[in-house]
Amino acid sequence: MKIILANPRGFCAGVNMAIESLERALEFFGAPLYVYHEIVHNKYVVERFLRRGTIFVESLEEVPAGAPLLYSAHGVSPQIREQARKRNLRAIDATCPLVTKVHLEAVKYAKEGYTIILIGHEGHDEVIGTMGEAPERMVLVETAEDVERLELPENTKLAYLTQTTLSVDDANQVITALRKRFPQITNPPKDDICYATQNRQEAVRELAKRADVVLVLGSQNSSNSKRLAEIANALGPHAHLIDGVAETKPEWFEDAETVLITAGASAPEDVVQECVEYLQSRYGATIQEEIVREENVHFPLPKSLRELLPAGTASSRVGS
């Protein structure tokens, strides 16, 4: 058996920044430390922080007044920020800067009188936060079929934005449908889909055709991880989205000569290596790493956290 290790895979700069922010905040404040929503959508990352005294909440009512609170990488709505201010919470904003960019675009378009069509998945933390920026001016669509069902007044000023973790192909299908139905629709000068999402999808498209089986490390609630598995399955190989090696099944590897392993942007590298070691020990697998795209993106820790930390300790350790 041969293992192809996709590169890039795993943590992106936004996830690195968010996890590093939580690490540093725990060191500074100690436990318990509150986080609004899961810090990132990954079972192993969340469980590790739970063991260290992190409390993930879905309502700010669960956070004692005046306590430290970290916003997750997926961002929050202005309404949540206002609630936090009223409760005198010590908020640290670990929102990925690429998500913040979409929020700012939503505010800009809303102020200019546009109706904004957001392409994304209903109920996703990022979508909830983005729509909170201008709820009265935003409409959510997930598919080209949703576009056909839109009922908007004639001559409505329209703009579209996208969730950062979508499949590029899926987003393009919806964008094509929007442009066909609303030729006047406008969009930001730069694509909203995150560089890491695109790079990981590109690697899977290029490498999956050479594999009999694809293992995508990531959690079921991770949008970008699910997209990787969908892309691989569309190319023919049997793709499986798993949190870790414990979820693998021996029958997946019967007659498999080549296994591609990749990981979503919120999946830690150690779960990848556990899968590699399992296939090495059980099947004598050899490893071939394939670099499809170099990544050198780095995001600084949130300003509010940098101000708390001693000088020289406030840069994010990317790649951990």
C-alpha atoms as a PDB file:
ATOM      1  CA  MET A   1       0.000   0.000   0.000  1.00  0.00           C
ATOM      2  CA  LYS A   2       1.118   3.562  -0.754  1.00  0.00           C
ATOM      3  CA  ILE A   3      -0.080   6.586   1.209  1.00  0.00           C
ATOM      4  CA  ILE A   4      -0.274   9.911  -0.600  1.00  0.00           C
ATOM      5  CA  LEU A   5      -0.182  12.710   1.975  1.00  0.00           C
ATOM      6  CA  ALA A   6      -1.847  15.799   0.548  1.00  0.00           C
ATOM      7  CA  ASN A   7      -0.126  19.090   1.171  1.00  0.00           C
ATOM      8  CA  PRO A   8      -1.551  21.551   2.072  1.00  0.00           C
ATOM      9  CA  ARG A   9      -3.799  19.883   4.637  1.00  0.00           C
ATOM     10  CA  GLY A  10      -4.987  20.573   8.177  1.00  0.00           C
ATOM     11  CA  PHE A  11      -4.761  23.781  10.136  1.00  0.00           C
ATOM     12  CA  CYS A  12      -5.006  27.067   8.255  1.00  0.00           C
ATOM     13  CA  ALA A  13      -3.740  30.430   9.512  1.00  0.00           C
ATOM     14  CA  GLY A  14      -7.150  31.382  10.935  1.00  0.00           C
ATOM     15  CA  VAL A  15      -7.450  28.153  12.912  1.00  0.00           C
ATOM     16  CA  ASN A  16      -3.868  28.464  14.134  1.00  0.00           C
ATOM     17  CA  MET A  17      -4.605  31.991  15.330  1.00  0.00           C
ATOM     18  CA  ALA A  18      -7.846  31.000  17.088  1.00  0.00           C
ATOM     19  CA  ILE A  19      -6.321  27.989  18.846  1.00  0.00           C
ATOM     20  CA  GLU A  20      -3.226  29.959  19.840  1.00  0.00           C
ATOM     21  CA  SER A  21      -5.510  32.713  21.181  1.00  0.00           C
ATOM     22  CA  LEU A  22      -7.332  30.223  23.362  1.00  0.00           C
ATOM     23  CA  GLU A  23      -4.050  28.703  24.563  1.00  0.00           C
ATOM     24  CA  ARG A  24      -2.677  32.107  25.545  1.00  0.00           C
ATOM     25  CA  ALA A  25      -5.955  33.225  27.133  1.00  0.00           C
ATOM     26  CA  LEU A  26      -5.991  30.055  29.264  1.00  0.00           C
ATOM     27  CA  GLU A  27      -2.423  30.762  30.371  1.00  0.00           C
ATOM     28  CA  PHE A  28      -3.345  34.344  31.279  1.00  0.00           C
ATOM     29  CA  PHE A  29      -6.798  33.978  32.836  1.00  0.00           C
ATOM     30  CA  GLY A  30      -6.746  30.328  33.934  1.00  0.00           C
ATOM     31  CA  ALA A  31      -9.823  28.100  33.987  1.00  0.00           C
ATOM     32  CA  PRO A  32     -12.715  28.378  33.589  1.00  0.00           C
ATOM     33  CA  LEU A  33     -12.474  30.283  30.330  1.00  0.00           C
ATOM     34  CA  TYR A  34     -15.595  30.791  28.234  1.00  0.00           C
ATOM     35  CA  VAL A  35     -15.790  30.504  24.438  1.00  0.00           C
ATOM     36  CA  TYR A  36     -18.836  31.459  22.389  1.00  0.00           C
ATOM     37  CA  HIS A  37     -19.454  28.442  20.123  1.00  0.00           C
ATOM     38  CA  GLU A  38     -16.810  25.786  19.489  1.00  0.00           C
ATOM     39  CA  ILE A  39     -13.434  27.449  18.945  1.00  0.00           C
ATOM     40  CA  VAL A  40     -13.206  25.517  15.635  1.00  0.00           C
ATOM     41  CA  HIS A  41     -15.376  22.715  14.287  1.00  0.00           C
ATOM     42  CA  ASN A  42     -13.250  19.764  15.352  1.00  0.00           C
ATOM     43  CA  LYS A  43     -14.114  17.139  17.951  1.00  0.00           C
ATOM     44  CA  TYR A  44     -10.535  16.516  19.106  1.00  0.00           C
ATOM     45  CA  VAL A  45      -9.634  20.190  19.455  1.00  0.00           C
ATOM     46  CA  VAL A  46     -12.811  20.889  21.428  1.00  0.00           C
ATOM     47  CA  GLU A  47     -12.352  17.870  23.711  1.00  0.00           C
ATOM     48  CA  ARG A  48      -8.749  18.842  24.482  1.00  0.00           C
ATOM     49  CA  PHE A  49      -9.797  22.316  25.582  1.00  0.00           C
ATOM     50  CA  LEU A  50     -12.747  20.965  27.577  1.00  0.00           C
ATOM     51  CA  ARG A  51     -10.286  18.877  29.605  1.00  0.00           C
ATOM     52  CA  ARG A  52      -8.332  22.043  30.382  1.00  0.00           C
ATOM     53  CA  GLY A  53     -11.325  23.904  31.789  1.00  0.00           C
ATOM     54  CA  THR A  54     -12.681  25.671  28.714  1.00  0.00           C
ATOM     55  CA  ILE A  55     -16.458  26.088  28.697  1.00  0.00           C
ATOM     56  CA  PHE A  56     -18.085  26.378  25.263  1.00  0.00           C
ATOM     57  CA  VAL A  57     -21.404  28.226  25.406  1.00  0.00           C
ATOM     58  CA  GLU A  58     -24.261  28.861  22.993  1.00  0.00           C
ATOM     59  CA  SER A  59     -25.714  31.748  25.014  1.00  0.00           C
ATOM     60  CA  LEU A  60     -23.984  34.598  26.832  1.00  0.00           C
ATOM     61  CA  GLU A  61     -26.420  34.039  29.700  1.00  0.00           C
ATOM     62  CA  GLU A  62     -24.187  31.079  30.579  1.00  0.00           C
ATOM     63  CA  VAL A  63     -21.196  33.402  31.118  1.00  0.00           C
ATOM     64  CA  PRO A  64     -20.822  35.122  34.537  1.00  0.00           C
ATOM     65  CA  ALA A  65     -20.788  38.926  34.348  1.00  0.00           C
ATOM     66  CA  GLY A  66     -17.260  40.278  33.995  1.00  0.00           C
ATOM     67  CA  ALA A  67     -15.754  36.924  32.939  1.00  0.00           C
ATOM     68  CA  PRO A  68     -13.304  36.510  30.045  1.00  0.00           C
ATOM     69  CA  LEU A  69     -14.951  35.374  26.797  1.00  0.00           C
ATOM     70  CA  LEU A  70     -13.366  34.320  23.514  1.00  0.00           C
ATOM     71  CA  TYR A  71     -15.243  34.565  20.204  1.00  0.00           C
ATOM     72  CA  SER A  72     -14.650  31.546  17.964  1.00  0.00           C
ATOM     73  CA  ALA A  73     -12.894  31.583  14.583  1.00  0.00           C
ATOM     74  CA  HIS A  74     -16.294  31.637  12.825  1.00  0.00           C
ATOM     75  CA  GLY A  75     -17.206  35.112  14.078  1.00  0.00           C
ATOM     76  CA  VAL A  76     -20.227  36.540  15.871  1.00  0.00           C
ATOM     77  CA  SER A  77     -22.988  39.014  15.115  1.00  0.00           C
ATOM     78  CA  PRO A  78     -23.053  42.630  16.364  1.00  0.00           C
ATOM     79  CA  GLN A  79     -25.917  41.599  18.648  1.00  0.00           C
ATOM     80  CA  ILE A  80     -23.615  39.180  20.504  1.00  0.00           C
ATOM     81  CA  ARG A  81     -20.920  41.844  20.823  1.00  0.00           C
ATOM     82  CA  GLU A  82     -23.489  44.234  22.320  1.00  0.00           C
ATOM     83  CA  GLN A  83     -24.695  41.589  24.782  1.00  0.00           C
ATOM     84  CA  ALA A  84     -21.092  40.993  25.841  1.00  0.00           C
ATOM     85  CA  ARG A  85     -20.580  44.726  26.446  1.00  0.00           C
ATOM     86  CA  LYS A  86     -23.752  44.932  28.544  1.00  0.00           C
ATOM     87  CA  ARG A  87     -22.561  41.988  30.685  1.00  0.00           C
ATOM     88  CA  ASN A  88     -19.130  43.616  31.038  1.00  0.00           C
ATOM     89  CA  LEU A  89     -17.433  40.518  29.585  1.00  0.00           C
ATOM     90  CA  ARG A  90     -13.722  40.668  28.760  1.00  0.00           C
ATOM     91  CA  ALA A  91     -14.114  39.781  25.092  1.00  0.00           C
ATOM     92  CA  ILE A  92     -11.244  38.461  22.961  1.00  0.00           C
ATOM     93  CA  ASP A  93     -12.100  38.309  19.268  1.00  0.00           C
ATOM     94  CA  ALA A  94     -10.488  35.259  17.624  1.00  0.00           C
ATOM     95  CA  THR A  95     -12.571  35.608  14.445  1.00  0.00           C
ATOM     96  CA  CYS A  96     -10.635  34.616  11.344  1.00  0.00           C
ATOM     97  CA  PRO A  97      -9.701  37.820   9.466  1.00  0.00           C
ATOM     98  CA  LEU A  98     -11.125  36.324   6.261  1.00  0.00           C
ATOM     99  CA  VAL A  99     -14.523  35.993   7.981  1.00  0.00           C
ATOM    100  CA  THR A 100     -14.198  39.557   9.297  1.00  0.00           C
ATOM    101  CA  LYS A 101     -13.644  40.662   5.689  1.00  0.00           C
ATOM    102  CA  VAL A 102     -17.046  39.218   4.708  1.00  0.00           C
ATOM    103  CA  HIS A 103     -18.695  40.964   7.693  1.00  0.00           C
ATOM    104  CA  LEU A 104     -17.232  44.303   6.601  1.00  0.00           C
ATOM    105  CA  GLU A 105     -18.434  43.719   3.036  1.00  0.00           C
ATOM    106  CA  ALA A 106     -21.948  43.035   4.361  1.00  0.00           C
ATOM    107  CA  VAL A 107     -21.927  46.288   6.353  1.00  0.00           C
ATOM    108  CA  LYS A 108     -20.649  48.253   3.322  1.00  0.00           C
ATOM    109  CA  TYR A 109     -23.276  46.872   0.934  1.00  0.00           C
ATOM    110  CA  ALA A 110     -26.083  47.353   3.468  1.00  0.00           C
ATOM    111  CA  LYS A 111     -25.109  51.018   3.973  1.00  0.00           C
ATOM    112  CA  GLU A 112     -25.148  51.507   0.190  1.00  0.00           C
ATOM    113  CA  GLY A 113     -28.718  50.208   0.004  1.00  0.00           C
ATOM    114  CA  TYR A 114     -28.050  46.777  -1.485  1.00  0.00           C
ATOM    115  CA  THR A 115     -30.021  43.626  -0.811  1.00  0.00           C
ATOM    116  CA  ILE A 116     -27.314  41.069  -0.062  1.00  0.00           C
ATOM    117  CA  ILE A 117     -27.607  37.449  -1.122  1.00  0.00           C
ATOM    118  CA  LEU A 118     -25.380  35.307   1.080  1.00  0.00           C
ATOM    119  CA  ILE A 119     -24.368  31.945  -0.360  1.00  0.00           C
ATOM    120  CA  GLY A 120     -23.898  29.548   2.554  1.00  0.00           C
ATOM    121  CA  HIS A 121     -25.232  26.789   4.766  1.00  0.00           C
ATOM    122  CA  GLU A 122     -28.177  27.579   7.012  1.00  0.00           C
ATOM    123  CA  GLY A 123     -27.347  27.257  10.709  1.00  0.00           C
ATOM    124  CA  HIS A 124     -23.561  27.404  10.265  1.00  0.00           C
ATOM    125  CA  ASP A 125     -21.933  29.623  12.922  1.00  0.00           C
ATOM    126  CA  GLU A 126     -20.249  31.774  10.283  1.00  0.00           C
ATOM    127  CA  VAL A 127     -23.488  32.344   8.393  1.00  0.00           C
ATOM    128  CA  ILE A 128     -25.366  33.299  11.575  1.00  0.00           C
ATOM    129  CA  GLY A 129     -22.686  35.831  12.460  1.00  0.00           C
ATOM    130  CA  THR A 130     -22.507  37.332   8.960  1.00  0.00           C
ATOM    131  CA  MET A 131     -26.285  37.649   8.596  1.00  0.00           C
ATOM    132  CA  GLY A 132     -26.380  39.410  11.958  1.00  0.00           C
ATOM    133  CA  GLU A 133     -24.514  42.350  10.392  1.00  0.00           C
ATOM    134  CA  ALA A 134     -27.546  43.348   8.310  1.00  0.00           C
ATOM    135  CA  PRO A 135     -30.392  40.895   8.954  1.00  0.00           C
ATOM    136  CA  GLU A 136     -33.030  43.112   7.327  1.00  0.00           C
ATOM    137  CA  ARG A 137     -31.028  43.320   4.079  1.00  0.00           C
ATOM    138  CA  MET A 138     -29.737  39.744   3.715  1.00  0.00           C
ATOM    139  CA  VAL A 139     -31.157  36.645   2.041  1.00  0.00           C
ATOM    140  CA  LEU A 140     -29.543  33.205   2.383  1.00  0.00           C
ATOM    141  CA  VAL A 141     -29.302  30.758  -0.514  1.00  0.00           C
ATOM    142  CA  GLU A 142     -27.585  27.365  -0.593  1.00  0.00           C
ATOM    143  CA  THR A 143     -28.227  26.083  -4.137  1.00  0.00           C
ATOM    144  CA  ALA A 144     -28.971  27.208  -7.680  1.00  0.00           C
ATOM    145  CA  GLU A 145     -32.543  26.000  -7.053  1.00  0.00           C
ATOM    146  CA  ASP A 146     -32.819  28.469  -4.166  1.00  0.00           C
ATOM    147  CA  VAL A 147     -31.849  31.246  -6.586  1.00  0.00           C
ATOM    148  CA  GLU A 148     -34.733  30.316  -8.904  1.00  0.00           C
ATOM    149  CA  ARG A 149     -37.156  30.599  -5.965  1.00  0.00           C
ATOM    150  CA  LEU A 150     -36.050  34.116  -4.983  1.00  0.00           C
ATOM    151  CA  GLU A 151     -38.773  36.737  -5.191  1.00  0.00           C
ATOM    152  CA  LEU A 152     -37.303  40.226  -5.239  1.00  0.00           C
ATOM    153  CA  PRO A 153     -38.770  43.538  -6.413  1.00  0.00           C
ATOM    154  CA  GLU A 154     -37.710  44.602  -9.902  1.00  0.00           C
ATOM    155  CA  ASN A 155     -34.652  46.887 -10.042  1.00  0.00           C
ATOM    156  CA  THR A 156     -33.484  45.825  -6.557  1.00  0.00           C
ATOM    157  CA  LYS A 157     -29.821  46.712  -6.002  1.00  0.00           C
ATOM    158  CA  LEU A 158     -28.221  43.301  -5.466  1.00  0.00           C
ATOM    159  CA  ALA A 159     -24.853  42.062  -4.214  1.00  0.00           C
ATOM    160  CA  TYR A 160     -23.706  38.599  -3.228  1.00  0.00           C
ATOM    161  CA  LEU A 161     -21.264  37.311  -0.611  1.00  0.00           C
ATOM    162  CA  THR A 162     -20.170  33.759   0.198  1.00  0.00           C
ATOM    163  CA  GLN A 163     -19.418  31.743   3.295  1.00  0.00           C
ATOM    164  CA  THR A 164     -15.638  31.302   3.389  1.00  0.00           C
ATOM    165  CA  THR A 165     -15.616  27.486   3.667  1.00  0.00           C
ATOM    166  CA  LEU A 166     -17.788  26.502   0.704  1.00  0.00           C
ATOM    167  CA  SER A 167     -16.826  24.203  -2.125  1.00  0.00           C
ATOM    168  CA  VAL A 168     -15.534  26.430  -4.915  1.00  0.00           C
ATOM    169  CA  ASP A 169     -17.501  24.384  -7.487  1.00  0.00           C
ATOM    170  CA  ASP A 170     -20.742  24.574  -5.486  1.00  0.00           C
ATOM    171  CA  ALA A 171     -20.361  28.322  -4.953  1.00  0.00           C
ATOM    172  CA  ASN A 172     -19.679  28.875  -8.652  1.00  0.00           C
ATOM    173  CA  GLN A 173     -22.871  27.015  -9.595  1.00  0.00           C
ATOM    174  CA  VAL A 174     -24.894  29.344  -7.369  1.00  0.00           C
ATOM    175  CA  ILE A 175     -23.025  32.433  -8.612  1.00  0.00           C
ATOM    176  CA  THR A 176     -23.691  31.423 -12.229  1.00  0.00           C
ATOM    177  CA  ALA A 177     -27.395  31.070 -11.430  1.00  0.00           C
ATOM    178  CA  LEU A 178     -27.404  34.489  -9.715  1.00  0.00           C
ATOM    179  CA  ARG A 179     -25.682  36.192 -12.654  1.00  0.00           C
ATOM    180  CA  LYS A 180     -28.069  34.574 -15.115  1.00  0.00           C
ATOM    181  CA  ARG A 181     -31.163  35.639 -13.207  1.00  0.00           C
ATOM    182  CA  PHE A 182     -29.859  39.007 -11.980  1.00  0.00           C
ATOM    183  CA  PRO A 183     -27.299  40.308 -14.518  1.00  0.00           C
ATOM    184  CA  GLN A 184     -26.929  43.541 -12.551  1.00  0.00           C
ATOM    185  CA  ILE A 185     -25.734  41.787  -9.369  1.00  0.00           C
ATOM    186  CA  THR A 186     -22.446  43.021  -7.928  1.00  0.00           C
ATOM    187  CA  ASN A 187     -19.800  41.333  -5.789  1.00  0.00           C
ATOM    188  CA  PRO A 188     -16.624  42.182  -3.855  1.00  0.00           C
ATOM    189  CA  PRO A 189     -13.426  42.671  -5.893  1.00  0.00           C
ATOM    190  CA  LYS A 190     -11.847  39.618  -4.238  1.00  0.00           C
ATOM    191  CA  ASP A 191     -13.278  36.114  -3.796  1.00  0.00           C
ATOM    192  CA  ASP A 192     -14.634  35.444  -0.282  1.00  0.00           C
ATOM    193  CA  ILE A 193     -13.857  31.719  -0.244  1.00  0.00           C
ATOM    194  CA  CYS A 194     -10.824  31.283   1.976  1.00  0.00           C
ATOM    195  CA  TYR A 195      -7.414  30.570   0.438  1.00  0.00           C
ATOM    196  CA  ALA A 196      -6.987  27.454   2.626  1.00  0.00           C
ATOM    197  CA  THR A 197     -10.365  26.040   1.633  1.00  0.00           C
ATOM    198  CA  GLN A 198      -9.492  26.506  -2.034  1.00  0.00           C
ATOM    199  CA  ASN A 199      -5.987  25.057  -1.656  1.00  0.00           C
ATOM    200  CA  ARG A 200      -7.167  21.916   0.136  1.00  0.00           C
ATOM    201  CA  GLN A 201      -9.879  21.389  -2.454  1.00  0.00           C
ATOM    202  CA  GLU A 202      -7.367  21.874  -5.276  1.00  0.00           C
ATOM    203  CA  ALA A 203      -5.058  19.259  -3.721  1.00  0.00           C
ATOM    204  CA  VAL A 204      -7.901  16.725  -3.453  1.00  0.00           C
ATOM    205  CA  ARG A 205      -8.989  17.342  -7.050  1.00  0.00           C
ATOM    206  CA  GLU A 206      -5.460  16.787  -8.265  1.00  0.00           C
ATOM    207  CA  LEU A 207      -4.566  13.780  -6.104  1.00  0.00           C
ATOM    208  CA  ALA A 208      -7.792  11.818  -5.519  1.00  0.00           C
ATOM    209  CA  LYS A 209      -7.820  10.403  -9.045  1.00  0.00           C
ATOM    210  CA  ARG A 210      -4.648   8.497  -8.187  1.00  0.00           C
ATOM    211  CA  ALA A 211      -6.150   6.868  -5.078  1.00  0.00           C
ATOM    212  CA  ASP A 212      -8.428   3.908  -4.368  1.00  0.00           C
ATOM    213  CA  VAL A 213      -9.492   5.300  -0.981  1.00  0.00           C
ATOM    214  CA  VAL A 214      -9.472   8.843   0.419  1.00  0.00           C
ATOM    215  CA  LEU A 215      -9.400   9.574   4.151  1.00  0.00           C
ATOM    216  CA  VAL A 216     -10.461  13.104   5.080  1.00  0.00           C
ATOM    217  CA  LEU A 217      -9.649  13.940   8.691  1.00  0.00           C
ATOM    218  CA  GLY A 218     -12.262  16.308  10.066  1.00  0.00           C
ATOM    219  CA  SER A 219     -15.524  16.486  11.994  1.00  0.00           C
ATOM    220  CA  GLN A 220     -19.031  16.120  10.604  1.00  0.00           C
ATOM    221  CA  ASN A 221     -19.882  19.726  11.547  1.00  0.00           C
ATOM    222  CA  SER A 222     -16.845  21.074   9.675  1.00  0.00           C
ATOM    223  CA  SER A 223     -18.120  22.585   6.434  1.00  0.00           C
ATOM    224  CA  ASN A 224     -14.762  22.636   4.660  1.00  0.00           C
ATOM    225  CA  SER A 225     -13.980  19.027   5.689  1.00  0.00           C
ATOM    226  CA  LYS A 226     -17.324  17.795   4.361  1.00  0.00           C
ATOM    227  CA  ARG A 227     -16.655  19.554   1.057  1.00  0.00           C
ATOM    228  CA  LEU A 228     -13.307  17.727   0.727  1.00  0.00           C
ATOM    229  CA  ALA A 229     -15.017  14.343   1.140  1.00  0.00           C
ATOM    230  CA  GLU A 230     -17.730  15.309  -1.370  1.00  0.00           C
ATOM    231  CA  ILE A 231     -15.157  16.389  -3.957  1.00  0.00           C
ATOM    232  CA  ALA A 232     -13.187  13.153  -3.537  1.00  0.00           C
ATOM    233  CA  ASN A 233     -16.314  10.997  -3.845  1.00  0.00           C
ATOM    234  CA  ALA A 234     -17.319  12.834  -7.020  1.00  0.00           C
ATOM    235  CA  LEU A 235     -13.971  11.850  -8.556  1.00  0.00           C
ATOM    236  CA  GLY A 236     -14.546   8.136  -8.038  1.00  0.00           C
ATOM    237  CA  PRO A 237     -12.549   6.951  -5.008  1.00  0.00           C
ATOM    238  CA  HIS A 238     -14.244   5.823  -1.809  1.00  0.00           C
ATOM    239  CA  ALA A 239     -13.877   8.852   0.482  1.00  0.00           C
ATOM    240  CA  HIS A 240     -14.515   8.766   4.210  1.00  0.00           C
ATOM    241  CA  LEU A 241     -14.804  11.764   6.550  1.00  0.00           C
ATOM    242  CA  ILE A 242     -13.483  10.661   9.943  1.00  0.00           C
ATOM    243  CA  ASP A 243     -12.438  12.324  13.191  1.00  0.00           C
ATOM    244  CA  GLY A 244      -9.611   9.874  13.734  1.00  0.00           C
ATOM    245  CA  VAL A 245      -8.158   6.407  13.220  1.00  0.00           C
ATOM    246  CA  ALA A 246     -10.699   4.789  15.575  1.00  0.00           C
ATOM    247  CA  GLU A 247     -13.401   5.349  12.928  1.00  0.00           C
ATOM    248  CA  THR A 248     -11.574   3.493  10.135  1.00  0.00           C
ATOM    249  CA  LYS A 249     -12.851   0.081   9.016  1.00  0.00           C
ATOM    250  CA  PRO A 250     -10.614  -2.711   7.683  1.00  0.00           C
ATOM    251  CA  GLU A 251     -12.952  -3.395   4.741  1.00  0.00           C
ATOM    252  CA  TRP A 252     -12.195   0.081   3.347  1.00  0.00           C
ATOM    253  CA  PHE A 253      -8.660  -1.033   2.594  1.00  0.00           C
ATOM    254  CA  GLU A 254      -9.313  -4.436   1.015  1.00  0.00           C
ATOM    255  CA  ASP A 255      -7.479  -4.417  -2.331  1.00  0.00           C
ATOM    256  CA  ALA A 256      -6.568  -0.731  -1.852  1.00  0.00           C
ATOM    257  CA  GLU A 257      -3.166  -0.017  -3.338  1.00  0.00           C
ATOM    258  CA  THR A 258      -3.167   3.747  -2.845  1.00  0.00           C
ATOM    259  CA  VAL A 259      -4.741   5.755   0.002  1.00  0.00           C
ATOM    260  CA  LEU A 260      -4.901   9.547  -0.116  1.00  0.00           C
ATOM    261  CA  ILE A 261      -4.932  11.232   3.292  1.00  0.00           C
ATOM    262  CA  THR A 262      -5.892  14.870   3.753  1.00  0.00           C
ATOM    263  CA  ALA A 263      -7.397  16.968   6.539  1.00  0.00           C
ATOM    264  CA  GLY A 264      -9.833  19.844   6.812  1.00  0.00           C
ATOM    265  CA  ALA A 265      -8.623  23.258   7.950  1.00  0.00           C
ATOM    266  CA  SER A 266      -9.631  22.616  11.575  1.00  0.00           C
ATOM    267  CA  ALA A 267      -8.177  19.078  11.930  1.00  0.00           C
ATOM    268  CA  PRO A 268      -4.923  18.716  13.926  1.00  0.00           C
ATOM    269  CA  GLU A 269      -1.881  17.059  12.359  1.00  0.00           C
ATOM    270  CA  ASP A 270      -1.544  14.440  15.111  1.00  0.00           C
ATOM    271  CA  VAL A 271      -4.816  12.747  14.022  1.00  0.00           C
ATOM    272  CA  VAL A 272      -3.388  12.570  10.491  1.00  0.00           C
ATOM    273  CA  GLN A 273      -0.199  10.964  11.773  1.00  0.00           C
ATOM    274  CA  GLU A 274      -2.160   8.398  13.821  1.00  0.00           C
ATOM    275  CA  CYS A 275      -3.861   7.261  10.591  1.00  0.00           C
ATOM    276  CA  VAL A 276      -0.520   7.111   8.801  1.00  0.00           C
ATOM    277  CA  GLU A 277       1.023   5.028  11.589  1.00  0.00           C
ATOM    278  CA  TYR A 278      -1.969   2.666  11.600  1.00  0.00           C
ATOM    279  CA  LEU A 279      -1.686   1.999   7.859  1.00  0.00           C
ATOM    280  CA  GLN A 280       2.072   1.588   8.145  1.00  0.00           C
ATOM    281  CA  SER A 281       1.836  -0.929  10.971  1.00  0.00           C
ATOM    282  CA  ARG A 282      -1.112  -2.897   9.557  1.00  0.00           C
ATOM    283  CA  TYR A 283      -0.372  -2.821   5.822  1.00  0.00           C
ATOM    284  CA  GLY A 284       3.302  -1.897   5.613  1.00  0.00           C
ATOM    285  CA  ALA A 285       2.309   1.293   3.814  1.00  0.00           C
ATOM    286  CA  THR A 286       4.913   3.642   2.354  1.00  0.00           C
ATOM    287  CA  ILE A 287       4.472   7.432   2.357  1.00  0.00           C
ATOM    288  CA  GLN A 288       4.673   9.904  -0.488  1.00  0.00           C
ATOM    289  CA  GLU A 289       3.989  13.557   0.334  1.00  0.00           C
ATOM    290  CA  GLU A 290       2.618  15.607  -2.560  1.00  0.00           C
ATOM    291  CA  ILE A 291       2.871  19.408  -2.357  1.00  0.00           C
ATOM    292  CA  VAL A 292       0.218  20.986  -4.565  1.00  0.00           C
ATOM    293  CA  ARG A 293       0.419  24.534  -3.201  1.00  0.00           C
ATOM    294  CA  GLU A 294       2.749  26.324  -0.759  1.00  0.00           C
ATOM    295  CA  GLU A 295       1.109  28.207   2.115  1.00  0.00           C
ATOM    296  CA  ASN A 296       2.815  30.978   4.066  1.00  0.00           C
ATOM    297  CA  VAL A 297      -0.143  32.878   5.499  1.00  0.00           C
ATOM    298  CA  HIS A 298       0.080  34.157   9.067  1.00  0.00           C
ATOM    299  CA  PHE A 299      -2.449  36.078  11.195  1.00  0.00           C
ATOM    300  CA  PRO A 300      -1.452  37.946  14.389  1.00  0.00           C
ATOM    301  CA  LEU A 301      -3.186  37.280  17.688  1.00  0.00           C
ATOM    302  CA  PRO A 302      -6.157  39.572  18.499  1.00  0.00           C
ATOM    303  CA  LYS A 303      -5.137  43.061  19.630  1.00  0.00           C
ATOM    304  CA  SER A 304      -7.028  42.719  22.933  1.00  0.00           C
ATOM    305  CA  LEU A 305      -4.983  39.599  23.735  1.00  0.00           C
ATOM    306  CA  ARG A 306      -1.669  41.082  22.605  1.00  0.00           C
ATOM    307  CA  GLU A 307      -2.223  43.965  25.023  1.00  0.00           C
ATOM    308  CA  LEU A 308      -2.549  41.514  27.929  1.00  0.00           C
ATOM    309  CA  LEU A 309       0.534  39.422  27.182  1.00  0.00           C
ATOM    310  CA  PRO A 310       4.154  40.254  28.055  1.00  0.00           C
ATOM    311  CA  ALA A 311       6.199  41.857  25.275  1.00  0.00           C
ATOM    312  CA  GLY A 312       7.643  39.329  22.838  1.00  0.00           C
ATOM    313  CA  THR A 313       5.041  36.614  23.525  1.00  0.00           C
ATOM    314  CA  ALA A 314       2.148  37.829  21.407  1.00  0.00           C
ATOM    315  CA  SER A 315       2.840  36.408  17.970  1.00  0.00           C
ATOM    316  CA  SER A 316       0.862  33.404  16.724  1.00  0.00           C
ATOM    317  CA  ARG A 317       2.861  30.186  16.366  1.00  0.00           C
ATOM    318  CA  VAL A 318       1.611  29.150  12.938  1.00  0.00           C
ATOM    319  CA  GLY A 319       1.878  25.472  12.073  1.00  0.00           C
ATOM    320  CA  SER A 320       1.496  24.087  15.600  1.00  0.00           C
END
